[in-house]
Amino acid sequence: MKANMGILDKLVRIIAAIAIAIFYFTNVISGTVAIILLIVAGIFIITSFISFCPLYSIFGISTKKNKEIAQK
């Protein structure tokens, strides 16, 4: 697995996961929608920590900055 997520992408995913958790624990969301969103939040957390998104690799997307470009 080659990292394909940038810092901003990871930060947005973690903030979204935290927001979903807050909505769940304050009973703003419930039922099937809550379960689905909690699964999505878990996926966001996992992909953020490993810096790899399988969907990005399928579509050839990378939000990670290239070190060679940053050095120029």
PDB file of N, CA and C in Angstrom:
ATOM      1  N   MET A   1       0.834  -1.184   0.000  1.00  0.00           N
ATOM      2  CA  MET A   1       0.000   0.000   0.000  1.00  0.00           C
ATOM      3  C   MET A   1       0.874   1.241   0.000  1.00  0.00           C
ATOM      4  N   LYS A   2       0.677   2.059  -0.981  1.00  0.00           N
ATOM      5  CA  LYS A   2       1.392   3.322  -1.055  1.00  0.00           C
ATOM      6  C   LYS A   2       0.469   4.425  -0.549  1.00  0.00           C
ATOM      7  N   ALA A   3       0.955   5.258   0.350  1.00  0.00           N
ATOM      8  CA  ALA A   3       0.143   6.331   0.919  1.00  0.00           C
ATOM      9  C   ALA A   3      -0.387   7.234  -0.188  1.00  0.00           C
ATOM     10  N   ASN A   4      -1.682   7.543  -0.127  1.00  0.00           N
ATOM     11  CA  ASN A   4      -2.267   8.404  -1.146  1.00  0.00           C
ATOM     12  C   ASN A   4      -3.166   9.491  -0.544  1.00  0.00           C
ATOM     13  N   MET A   5      -2.983   9.770   0.745  1.00  0.00           N
ATOM     14  CA  MET A   5      -3.795  10.786   1.414  1.00  0.00           C
ATOM     15  C   MET A   5      -2.910  11.870   2.004  1.00  0.00           C
ATOM     16  N   GLY A   6      -3.277  13.114   1.735  1.00  0.00           N
ATOM     17  CA  GLY A   6      -2.553  14.246   2.282  1.00  0.00           C
ATOM     18  C   GLY A   6      -3.030  14.588   3.686  1.00  0.00           C
ATOM     19  N   ILE A   7      -2.337  15.513   4.305  1.00  0.00           N
ATOM     20  CA  ILE A   7      -2.636  15.903   5.683  1.00  0.00           C
ATOM     21  C   ILE A   7      -4.029  16.522   5.790  1.00  0.00           C
ATOM     22  N   LEU A   8      -4.386  17.403   4.879  1.00  0.00           N
ATOM     23  CA  LEU A   8      -5.696  18.040   4.923  1.00  0.00           C
ATOM     24  C   LEU A   8      -6.812  17.009   4.757  1.00  0.00           C
ATOM     25  N   ASP A   9      -6.626  16.065   3.866  1.00  0.00           N
ATOM     26  CA  ASP A   9      -7.603  15.003   3.644  1.00  0.00           C
ATOM     27  C   ASP A   9      -7.809  14.182   4.919  1.00  0.00           C
ATOM     28  N   LYS A  10      -6.712  13.826   5.576  1.00  0.00           N
ATOM     29  CA  LYS A  10      -6.810  13.064   6.820  1.00  0.00           C
ATOM     30  C   LYS A  10      -7.508  13.870   7.906  1.00  0.00           C
ATOM     31  N   LEU A  11      -7.189  15.147   8.000  1.00  0.00           N
ATOM     32  CA  LEU A  11      -7.796  16.006   9.011  1.00  0.00           C
ATOM     33  C   LEU A  11      -9.307  16.132   8.803  1.00  0.00           C
ATOM     34  N   VAL A  12      -9.725  16.318   7.569  1.00  0.00           N
ATOM     35  CA  VAL A  12     -11.155  16.432   7.262  1.00  0.00           C
ATOM     36  C   VAL A  12     -11.884  15.140   7.623  1.00  0.00           C
ATOM     37  N   ARG A  13     -11.288  14.005   7.313  1.00  0.00           N
ATOM     38  CA  ARG A  13     -11.912  12.721   7.632  1.00  0.00           C
ATOM     39  C   ARG A  13     -12.032  12.509   9.142  1.00  0.00           C
ATOM     40  N   ILE A  14     -11.009  12.879   9.890  1.00  0.00           N
ATOM     41  CA  ILE A  14     -11.057  12.720  11.347  1.00  0.00           C
ATOM     42  C   ILE A  14     -12.109  13.646  11.957  1.00  0.00           C
ATOM     43  N   ILE A  15     -12.181  14.883  11.476  1.00  0.00           N
ATOM     44  CA  ILE A  15     -13.191  15.818  11.979  1.00  0.00           C
ATOM     45  C   ILE A  15     -14.591  15.302  11.650  1.00  0.00           C
ATOM     46  N   ALA A  16     -14.795  14.771  10.454  1.00  0.00           N
ATOM     47  CA  ALA A  16     -16.104  14.224  10.084  1.00  0.00           C
ATOM     48  C   ALA A  16     -16.469  13.039  10.980  1.00  0.00           C
ATOM     49  N   ALA A  17     -15.504  12.183  11.258  1.00  0.00           N
ATOM     50  CA  ALA A  17     -15.759  11.026  12.123  1.00  0.00           C
ATOM     51  C   ALA A  17     -16.116  11.466  13.539  1.00  0.00           C
ATOM     52  N   ILE A  18     -15.424  12.474  14.045  1.00  0.00           N
ATOM     53  CA  ILE A  18     -15.726  12.992  15.379  1.00  0.00           C
ATOM     54  C   ILE A  18     -17.129  13.598  15.403  1.00  0.00           C
ATOM     55  N   ALA A  19     -17.475  14.340  14.359  1.00  0.00           N
ATOM     56  CA  ALA A  19     -18.808  14.949  14.284  1.00  0.00           C
ATOM     57  C   ALA A  19     -19.893  13.872  14.270  1.00  0.00           C
ATOM     58  N   ILE A  20     -19.686  12.813  13.511  1.00  0.00           N
ATOM     59  CA  ILE A  20     -20.662  11.717  13.471  1.00  0.00           C
ATOM     60  C   ILE A  20     -20.803  11.086  14.847  1.00  0.00           C
ATOM     61  N   ALA A  21     -19.688  10.867  15.536  1.00  0.00           N
ATOM     62  CA  ALA A  21     -19.738  10.282  16.883  1.00  0.00           C
ATOM     63  C   ALA A  21     -20.498  11.194  17.847  1.00  0.00           C
ATOM     64  N   ILE A  22     -20.250  12.493  17.761  1.00  0.00           N
ATOM     65  CA  ILE A  22     -20.954  13.441  18.625  1.00  0.00           C
ATOM     66  C   ILE A  22     -22.454  13.404  18.334  1.00  0.00           C
ATOM     67  N   PHE A  23     -22.817  13.398  17.051  1.00  0.00           N
ATOM     68  CA  PHE A  23     -24.236  13.328  16.689  1.00  0.00           C
ATOM     69  C   PHE A  23     -24.885  12.053  17.215  1.00  0.00           C
ATOM     70  N   TYR A  24     -24.136  10.965  17.179  1.00  0.00           N
ATOM     71  CA  TYR A  24     -24.689   9.693  17.662  1.00  0.00           C
ATOM     72  C   TYR A  24     -24.892   9.723  19.185  1.00  0.00           C
ATOM     73  N   PHE A  25     -23.879  10.153  19.904  1.00  0.00           N
ATOM     74  CA  PHE A  25     -23.953  10.114  21.362  1.00  0.00           C
ATOM     75  C   PHE A  25     -24.873  11.184  21.958  1.00  0.00           C
ATOM     76  N   THR A  26     -25.217  12.203  21.172  1.00  0.00           N
ATOM     77  CA  THR A  26     -26.192  13.196  21.634  1.00  0.00           C
ATOM     78  C   THR A  26     -27.583  12.915  21.067  1.00  0.00           C
ATOM     79  N   ASN A  27     -27.744  11.741  20.468  1.00  0.00           N
ATOM     80  CA  ASN A  27     -29.020  11.274  19.914  1.00  0.00           C
ATOM     81  C   ASN A  27     -29.592  12.165  18.811  1.00  0.00           C
ATOM     82  N   VAL A  28     -28.739  12.850  18.081  1.00  0.00           N
ATOM     83  CA  VAL A  28     -29.183  13.615  16.918  1.00  0.00           C
ATOM     84  C   VAL A  28     -29.494  12.648  15.781  1.00  0.00           C
ATOM     85  N   ILE A  29     -28.697  11.590  15.673  1.00  0.00           N
ATOM     86  CA  ILE A  29     -28.955  10.551  14.680  1.00  0.00           C
ATOM     87  C   ILE A  29     -29.215   9.242  15.419  1.00  0.00           C
ATOM     88  N   SER A  30     -30.054   8.411  14.826  1.00  0.00           N
ATOM     89  CA  SER A  30     -30.349   7.118  15.445  1.00  0.00           C
ATOM     90  C   SER A  30     -30.820   6.145  14.376  1.00  0.00           C
ATOM     91  N   GLY A  31     -30.969   4.918  14.780  1.00  0.00           N
ATOM     92  CA  GLY A  31     -31.473   3.884  13.883  1.00  0.00           C
ATOM     93  C   GLY A  31     -30.466   3.444  12.839  1.00  0.00           C
ATOM     94  N   THR A  32     -30.989   3.047  11.691  1.00  0.00           N
ATOM     95  CA  THR A  32     -30.153   2.530  10.606  1.00  0.00           C
ATOM     96  C   THR A  32     -29.182   3.584  10.090  1.00  0.00           C
ATOM     97  N   VAL A  33     -29.642   4.819   9.996  1.00  0.00           N
ATOM     98  CA  VAL A  33     -28.765   5.901   9.532  1.00  0.00           C
ATOM     99  C   VAL A  33     -27.564   6.043  10.460  1.00  0.00           C
ATOM    100  N   ALA A  34     -27.795   5.958  11.752  1.00  0.00           N
ATOM    101  CA  ALA A  34     -26.714   6.079  12.719  1.00  0.00           C
ATOM    102  C   ALA A  34     -25.701   4.948  12.554  1.00  0.00           C
ATOM    103  N   ILE A  35     -26.187   3.742  12.359  1.00  0.00           N
ATOM    104  CA  ILE A  35     -25.288   2.597  12.188  1.00  0.00           C
ATOM    105  C   ILE A  35     -24.438   2.761  10.940  1.00  0.00           C
ATOM    106  N   ILE A  36     -25.073   3.151   9.847  1.00  0.00           N
ATOM    107  CA  ILE A  36     -24.336   3.345   8.593  1.00  0.00           C
ATOM    108  C   ILE A  36     -23.295   4.449   8.746  1.00  0.00           C
ATOM    109  N   LEU A  37     -23.684   5.562   9.373  1.00  0.00           N
ATOM    110  CA  LEU A  37     -22.735   6.662   9.556  1.00  0.00           C
ATOM    111  C   LEU A  37     -21.602   6.293  10.505  1.00  0.00           C
ATOM    112  N   LEU A  38     -21.873   5.487  11.516  1.00  0.00           N
ATOM    113  CA  LEU A  38     -20.800   5.040  12.412  1.00  0.00           C
ATOM    114  C   LEU A  38     -19.812   4.132  11.686  1.00  0.00           C
ATOM    115  N   ILE A  39     -20.310   3.311  10.779  1.00  0.00           N
ATOM    116  CA  ILE A  39     -19.420   2.474   9.965  1.00  0.00           C
ATOM    117  C   ILE A  39     -18.549   3.356   9.074  1.00  0.00           C
ATOM    118  N   VAL A  40     -19.159   4.359   8.459  1.00  0.00           N
ATOM    119  CA  VAL A  40     -18.407   5.299   7.621  1.00  0.00           C
ATOM    120  C   VAL A  40     -17.357   6.034   8.462  1.00  0.00           C
ATOM    121  N   ALA A  41     -17.743   6.451   9.663  1.00  0.00           N
ATOM    122  CA  ALA A  41     -16.798   7.137  10.552  1.00  0.00           C
ATOM    123  C   ALA A  41     -15.622   6.227  10.901  1.00  0.00           C
ATOM    124  N   GLY A  42     -15.901   4.956  11.161  1.00  0.00           N
ATOM    125  CA  GLY A  42     -14.829   4.000  11.442  1.00  0.00           C
ATOM    126  C   GLY A  42     -13.891   3.847  10.264  1.00  0.00           C
ATOM    127  N   ILE A  43     -14.454   3.783   9.070  1.00  0.00           N
ATOM    128  CA  ILE A  43     -13.629   3.687   7.857  1.00  0.00           C
ATOM    129  C   ILE A  43     -12.783   4.946   7.696  1.00  0.00           C
ATOM    130  N   PHE A  44     -13.377   6.112   7.961  1.00  0.00           N
ATOM    131  CA  PHE A  44     -12.620   7.370   7.885  1.00  0.00           C
ATOM    132  C   PHE A  44     -11.438   7.359   8.850  1.00  0.00           C
ATOM    133  N   ILE A  45     -11.645   6.900  10.065  1.00  0.00           N
ATOM    134  CA  ILE A  45     -10.568   6.866  11.062  1.00  0.00           C
ATOM    135  C   ILE A  45      -9.460   5.911  10.625  1.00  0.00           C
ATOM    136  N   ILE A  46      -9.847   4.710  10.197  1.00  0.00           N
ATOM    137  CA  ILE A  46      -8.853   3.711   9.777  1.00  0.00           C
ATOM    138  C   ILE A  46      -8.038   4.219   8.601  1.00  0.00           C
ATOM    139  N   THR A  47      -8.717   4.745   7.567  1.00  0.00           N
ATOM    140  CA  THR A  47      -7.980   5.212   6.390  1.00  0.00           C
ATOM    141  C   THR A  47      -7.105   6.419   6.716  1.00  0.00           C
ATOM    142  N   SER A  48      -7.535   7.230   7.665  1.00  0.00           N
ATOM    143  CA  SER A  48      -6.711   8.386   8.055  1.00  0.00           C
ATOM    144  C   SER A  48      -5.429   7.946   8.739  1.00  0.00           C
ATOM    145  N   PHE A  49      -5.524   6.944   9.607  1.00  0.00           N
ATOM    146  CA  PHE A  49      -4.328   6.491  10.319  1.00  0.00           C
ATOM    147  C   PHE A  49      -3.352   5.728   9.434  1.00  0.00           C
ATOM    148  N   ILE A  50      -3.848   5.024   8.421  1.00  0.00           N
ATOM    149  CA  ILE A  50      -2.930   4.298   7.541  1.00  0.00           C
ATOM    150  C   ILE A  50      -2.563   5.102   6.300  1.00  0.00           C
ATOM    151  N   SER A  51      -3.169   6.297   6.136  1.00  0.00           N
ATOM    152  CA  SER A  51      -2.886   7.209   5.014  1.00  0.00           C
ATOM    153  C   SER A  51      -3.131   6.574   3.653  1.00  0.00           C
ATOM    154  N   PHE A  52      -4.081   5.676   3.593  1.00  0.00           N
ATOM    155  CA  PHE A  52      -4.373   4.983   2.342  1.00  0.00           C
ATOM    156  C   PHE A  52      -5.874   4.838   2.170  1.00  0.00           C
ATOM    157  N   CYS A  53      -6.377   5.263   1.022  1.00  0.00           N
ATOM    158  CA  CYS A  53      -7.793   5.114   0.696  1.00  0.00           C
ATOM    159  C   CYS A  53      -7.907   4.186  -0.511  1.00  0.00           C
ATOM    160  N   PRO A  54      -8.545   3.023  -0.349  1.00  0.00           N
ATOM    161  CA  PRO A  54      -8.677   2.089  -1.468  1.00  0.00           C
ATOM    162  C   PRO A  54      -9.420   2.686  -2.663  1.00  0.00           C
ATOM    163  N   LEU A  55     -10.431   3.511  -2.428  1.00  0.00           N
ATOM    164  CA  LEU A  55     -11.146   4.133  -3.545  1.00  0.00           C
ATOM    165  C   LEU A  55     -10.252   5.083  -4.331  1.00  0.00           C
ATOM    166  N   TYR A  56      -9.372   5.787  -3.635  1.00  0.00           N
ATOM    167  CA  TYR A  56      -8.433   6.674  -4.314  1.00  0.00           C
ATOM    168  C   TYR A  56      -7.537   5.871  -5.262  1.00  0.00           C
ATOM    169  N   SER A  57      -7.072   4.716  -4.812  1.00  0.00           N
ATOM    170  CA  SER A  57      -6.186   3.923  -5.664  1.00  0.00           C
ATOM    171  C   SER A  57      -6.934   3.379  -6.885  1.00  0.00           C
ATOM    172  N   ILE A  58      -8.207   3.032  -6.705  1.00  0.00           N
ATOM    173  CA  ILE A  58      -8.997   2.533  -7.841  1.00  0.00           C
ATOM    174  C   ILE A  58      -9.149   3.614  -8.904  1.00  0.00           C
ATOM    175  N   PHE A  59      -9.412   4.854  -8.472  1.00  0.00           N
ATOM    176  CA  PHE A  59      -9.630   5.950  -9.407  1.00  0.00           C
ATOM    177  C   PHE A  59      -8.356   6.732  -9.745  1.00  0.00           C
ATOM    178  N   GLY A  60      -7.223   6.331  -9.182  1.00  0.00           N
ATOM    179  CA  GLY A  60      -5.949   6.982  -9.476  1.00  0.00           C
ATOM    180  C   GLY A  60      -5.813   8.368  -8.855  1.00  0.00           C
ATOM    181  N   ILE A  61      -6.452   8.589  -7.726  1.00  0.00           N
ATOM    182  CA  ILE A  61      -6.401   9.883  -7.045  1.00  0.00           C
ATOM    183  C   ILE A  61      -5.362   9.840  -5.931  1.00  0.00           C
ATOM    184  N   SER A  62      -4.679  10.953  -5.734  1.00  0.00           N
ATOM    185  CA  SER A  62      -3.767  11.084  -4.608  1.00  0.00           C
ATOM    186  C   SER A  62      -3.809  12.528  -4.120  1.00  0.00           C
ATOM    187  N   THR A  63      -4.062  12.719  -2.831  1.00  0.00           N
ATOM    188  CA  THR A  63      -4.050  14.062  -2.256  1.00  0.00           C
ATOM    189  C   THR A  63      -2.747  14.332  -1.517  1.00  0.00           C
ATOM    190  N   LYS A  64      -1.850  13.366  -1.558  1.00  0.00           N
ATOM    191  CA  LYS A  64      -0.560  13.525  -0.896  1.00  0.00           C
ATOM    192  C   LYS A  64       0.355  14.357  -1.786  1.00  0.00           C
ATOM    193  N   LYS A  65       1.029  15.316  -1.175  1.00  0.00           N
ATOM    194  CA  LYS A  65       1.951  16.153  -1.938  1.00  0.00           C
ATOM    195  C   LYS A  65       3.191  15.349  -2.304  1.00  0.00           C
ATOM    196  N   ASN A  66       3.640  15.568  -3.503  1.00  0.00           N
ATOM    197  CA  ASN A  66       4.842  14.908  -3.989  1.00  0.00           C
ATOM    198  C   ASN A  66       6.066  15.598  -3.401  1.00  0.00           C
ATOM    199  N   LYS A  67       6.978  14.851  -2.785  1.00  0.00           N
ATOM    200  CA  LYS A  67       8.162  15.436  -2.155  1.00  0.00           C
ATOM    201  C   LYS A  67       9.065  16.116  -3.166  1.00  0.00           C
ATOM    202  N   GLU A  68       9.109  15.604  -4.398  1.00  0.00           N
ATOM    203  CA  GLU A  68       9.955  16.211  -5.422  1.00  0.00           C
ATOM    204  C   GLU A  68       9.446  17.600  -5.796  1.00  0.00           C
ATOM    205  N   ILE A  69       8.151  17.791  -5.862  1.00  0.00           N
ATOM    206  CA  ILE A  69       7.590  19.077  -6.193  1.00  0.00           C
ATOM    207  C   ILE A  69       7.851  20.065  -5.070  1.00  0.00           C
ATOM    208  N   ALA A  70       7.743  19.614  -3.826  1.00  0.00           N
ATOM    209  CA  ALA A  70       7.958  20.487  -2.675  1.00  0.00           C
ATOM    210  C   ALA A  70       9.407  20.970  -2.592  1.00  0.00           C
ATOM    211  N   GLN A  71      10.361  20.197  -3.090  1.00  0.00           N
ATOM    212  CA  GLN A  71      11.764  20.551  -3.016  1.00  0.00           C
ATOM    213  C   GLN A  71      12.146  21.575  -4.078  1.00  0.00           C
ATOM    214  N   LYS A  72      11.380  21.684  -5.156  1.00  0.00           N
ATOM    215  CA  LYS A  72      11.750  22.585  -6.255  1.00  0.00           C
ATOM    216  C   LYS A  72      11.427  24.002  -5.951  1.00  0.00           C
TER     217      LYS A  72
END
